[in-house]
Amino acid sequence: MTPDELLQQYERGPELLRNAVLRVSADQWQKHPIPGKWSIQQVVCHLADFEPIFADRMKRVLVEDNPTLFGGDPDLFASGLAYEHRSVPDELQLIALVRSQVARILRQTEIEDFQRTGVHTEAGPLTLETLLERSTRHIQHHLTFIEEKVAALLRG
């Protein structure tokens, strides 16, 4: 896949997420239709917390020589960042804005810069292209879980 095709997918992510979330009412976002799994609101908050992290990694790979890229524990974020008190519309807006800004930057990036690397503390060396792929897939990965929750909520 070319960087342009990947960027198109990256830019579509927030809209796909918004459409999935809006298939149910706001009062259903905090429900747990699948026992032991996060609510829709928790998933959206998780995505909103990690979107700026992905953006930071990509930006630092662009401007620093082989920067260290730190991991993050999703469960630790979920337990300490008040997911139950956050606004899903605000979180969706944050995700869309971050992706819009990063896409604008990456569209001005030279093709060879997509091979610049950073070193992730858990995954090792990663290229900018790989970081973009992982960020793009992050929403896609969680859309599957949101769609399962939506289907369970709609079944009642």
Protein backbone atom coordinates (compact mmCIF):
# COMPACT_ATOMS: atom_id res chain seq x y z
CA MET A 1 0.00 0.00 0.00
CA THR A 2 1.34 3.45 -0.88
CA PRO A 3 1.69 6.14 1.79
CA ASP A 4 -1.14 8.05 0.10
CA GLU A 5 -3.49 5.04 0.26
CA LEU A 6 -2.52 4.48 3.88
CA LEU A 7 -3.17 8.14 4.70
CA GLN A 8 -6.61 7.90 3.11
CA GLN A 9 -7.45 4.98 5.41
CA TYR A 10 -5.94 6.84 8.38
CA GLU A 11 -8.14 9.88 7.65
CA ARG A 12 -11.30 7.73 7.32
CA GLY A 13 -10.84 6.19 10.78
CA PRO A 14 -12.56 8.92 12.84
CA GLU A 15 -15.63 8.92 10.60
CA LEU A 16 -15.94 5.13 10.77
CA LEU A 17 -15.61 5.31 14.55
CA ARG A 18 -18.17 8.11 14.87
CA ASN A 19 -20.67 6.24 12.65
CA ALA A 20 -20.31 3.07 14.72
CA VAL A 21 -20.73 4.86 18.05
CA LEU A 22 -23.74 6.85 16.88
CA ARG A 23 -25.67 3.70 15.99
CA VAL A 24 -26.78 3.62 19.63
CA SER A 25 -27.97 6.38 21.95
CA ALA A 26 -25.68 8.26 24.29
CA ASP A 27 -27.26 6.61 27.33
CA GLN A 28 -26.03 3.25 26.03
CA TRP A 29 -22.37 4.25 25.69
CA GLN A 30 -21.54 3.37 29.31
CA LYS A 31 -23.38 0.05 29.32
CA HIS A 32 -21.53 -3.26 29.33
CA PRO A 33 -23.53 -5.50 26.97
CA ILE A 34 -20.68 -8.00 26.88
CA PRO A 35 -19.73 -8.93 30.46
CA GLY A 36 -16.09 -8.37 31.36
CA LYS A 37 -15.44 -6.11 28.36
CA TRP A 38 -15.10 -2.36 28.13
CA SER A 39 -18.11 -0.19 27.34
CA ILE A 40 -18.28 1.80 24.11
CA GLN A 41 -17.34 4.89 26.10
CA GLN A 42 -14.26 3.17 27.54
CA VAL A 43 -13.15 2.07 24.07
CA VAL A 44 -13.57 5.59 22.68
CA CYS A 45 -11.64 7.08 25.62
CA HIS A 46 -8.87 4.52 25.09
CA LEU A 47 -8.62 5.49 21.43
CA ALA A 48 -8.60 9.19 22.33
CA ASP A 49 -5.81 8.64 24.88
CA PHE A 50 -3.60 6.75 22.46
CA GLU A 51 -4.20 8.86 19.34
CA PRO A 52 -1.94 11.69 20.60
CA ILE A 53 0.65 9.08 21.59
CA PHE A 54 0.72 7.69 18.06
CA ALA A 55 0.91 11.26 16.73
CA ASP A 56 3.81 12.10 19.03
CA ARG A 57 5.71 8.99 17.95
CA MET A 58 5.29 9.82 14.26
CA LYS A 59 6.27 13.45 14.74
CA ARG A 60 9.36 12.57 16.74
CA VAL A 61 10.46 10.02 14.14
CA LEU A 62 10.15 12.79 11.54
CA VAL A 63 12.26 15.33 13.42
CA GLU A 64 14.60 13.36 15.71
CA ASP A 65 17.30 10.85 14.88
CA ASN A 66 16.11 7.42 15.96
CA PRO A 67 14.13 8.59 19.02
CA THR A 68 13.05 6.33 21.86
CA LEU A 69 9.32 5.65 21.67
CA PHE A 70 7.64 4.66 24.91
CA GLY A 71 4.83 2.19 25.32
CA GLY A 72 1.74 2.70 27.43
CA ASP A 73 -0.46 0.35 29.43
CA PRO A 74 -4.09 0.67 28.25
CA ASP A 75 -5.47 -0.76 31.48
CA LEU A 76 -3.47 1.69 33.57
CA PHE A 77 -4.80 4.57 31.46
CA ALA A 78 -8.36 3.23 31.80
CA SER A 79 -8.10 2.90 35.56
CA GLY A 80 -6.64 6.34 36.17
CA LEU A 81 -8.06 8.71 33.57
CA ALA A 82 -11.75 8.97 34.54
CA TYR A 83 -13.20 7.26 31.49
CA GLU A 84 -16.65 7.18 33.10
CA HIS A 85 -16.71 10.99 33.39
CA ARG A 86 -15.50 11.92 29.93
CA SER A 87 -17.50 13.14 26.95
CA VAL A 88 -17.71 10.73 24.01
CA PRO A 89 -18.38 13.59 21.53
CA ASP A 90 -15.31 15.45 22.84
CA GLU A 91 -13.18 12.31 22.60
CA LEU A 92 -14.36 11.71 19.02
CA GLN A 93 -13.54 15.31 18.14
CA LEU A 94 -10.06 14.97 19.63
CA ILE A 95 -9.36 11.84 17.58
CA ALA A 96 -10.55 13.57 14.39
CA LEU A 97 -8.47 16.70 15.05
CA VAL A 98 -5.30 14.79 15.84
CA ARG A 99 -5.66 12.68 12.71
CA SER A 100 -6.40 15.72 10.57
CA GLN A 101 -3.27 17.51 11.82
CA VAL A 102 -0.99 14.48 11.46
CA ALA A 103 -2.33 13.66 7.98
CA ARG A 104 -1.64 17.25 6.90
CA ILE A 105 1.94 16.94 8.15
CA LEU A 106 2.50 13.51 6.59
CA ARG A 107 1.15 14.63 3.21
CA GLN A 108 4.04 17.11 3.10
CA THR A 109 6.59 14.44 4.01
CA GLU A 110 9.09 13.13 1.49
CA ILE A 111 8.53 9.49 0.54
CA GLU A 112 11.95 8.44 1.88
CA ASP A 113 11.07 9.91 5.30
CA PHE A 114 8.49 7.14 5.75
CA GLN A 115 11.52 4.85 6.29
CA ARG A 116 12.91 6.95 9.17
CA THR A 117 12.93 4.98 12.41
CA GLY A 118 12.42 5.24 16.12
CA VAL A 119 13.01 2.57 18.74
CA HIS A 120 9.95 1.47 20.68
CA THR A 121 10.75 0.30 24.22
CA GLU A 122 8.73 -2.90 23.69
CA ALA A 123 8.55 -3.48 19.92
CA GLY A 124 12.06 -2.36 18.91
CA PRO A 125 12.84 -0.37 15.74
CA LEU A 126 9.78 0.94 13.89
CA THR A 127 9.62 3.00 10.71
CA LEU A 128 7.33 5.98 10.28
CA GLU A 129 5.39 3.89 7.76
CA THR A 130 4.92 1.12 10.34
CA LEU A 131 3.81 3.64 12.96
CA LEU A 132 1.26 5.04 10.52
CA GLU A 133 0.04 1.52 9.72
CA ARG A 134 -0.33 0.69 13.43
CA SER A 135 -2.14 3.92 14.15
CA THR A 136 -4.46 3.36 11.19
CA ARG A 137 -5.21 -0.20 12.33
CA HIS A 138 -5.85 0.87 15.93
CA ILE A 139 -9.29 2.28 15.22
CA GLN A 140 -10.06 -0.59 12.84
CA HIS A 141 -9.11 -3.10 15.54
CA HIS A 142 -11.40 -1.52 18.11
CA LEU A 143 -14.27 -0.98 15.64
CA THR A 144 -14.78 -4.74 15.70
CA PHE A 145 -15.38 -4.61 19.45
CA ILE A 146 -17.63 -1.55 19.22
CA GLU A 147 -19.71 -3.22 16.53
CA GLU A 148 -20.12 -6.30 18.78
CA LYS A 149 -21.31 -4.03 21.61
CA VAL A 150 -23.67 -2.13 19.31
CA ALA A 151 -25.17 -5.38 18.02
CA ALA A 152 -25.67 -6.66 21.59
CA LEU A 153 -27.27 -3.36 22.65
CA LEU A 154 -29.60 -3.31 19.65
CA ARG A 155 -30.67 -6.90 20.35
CA GLY A 156 -31.63 -5.66 23.77
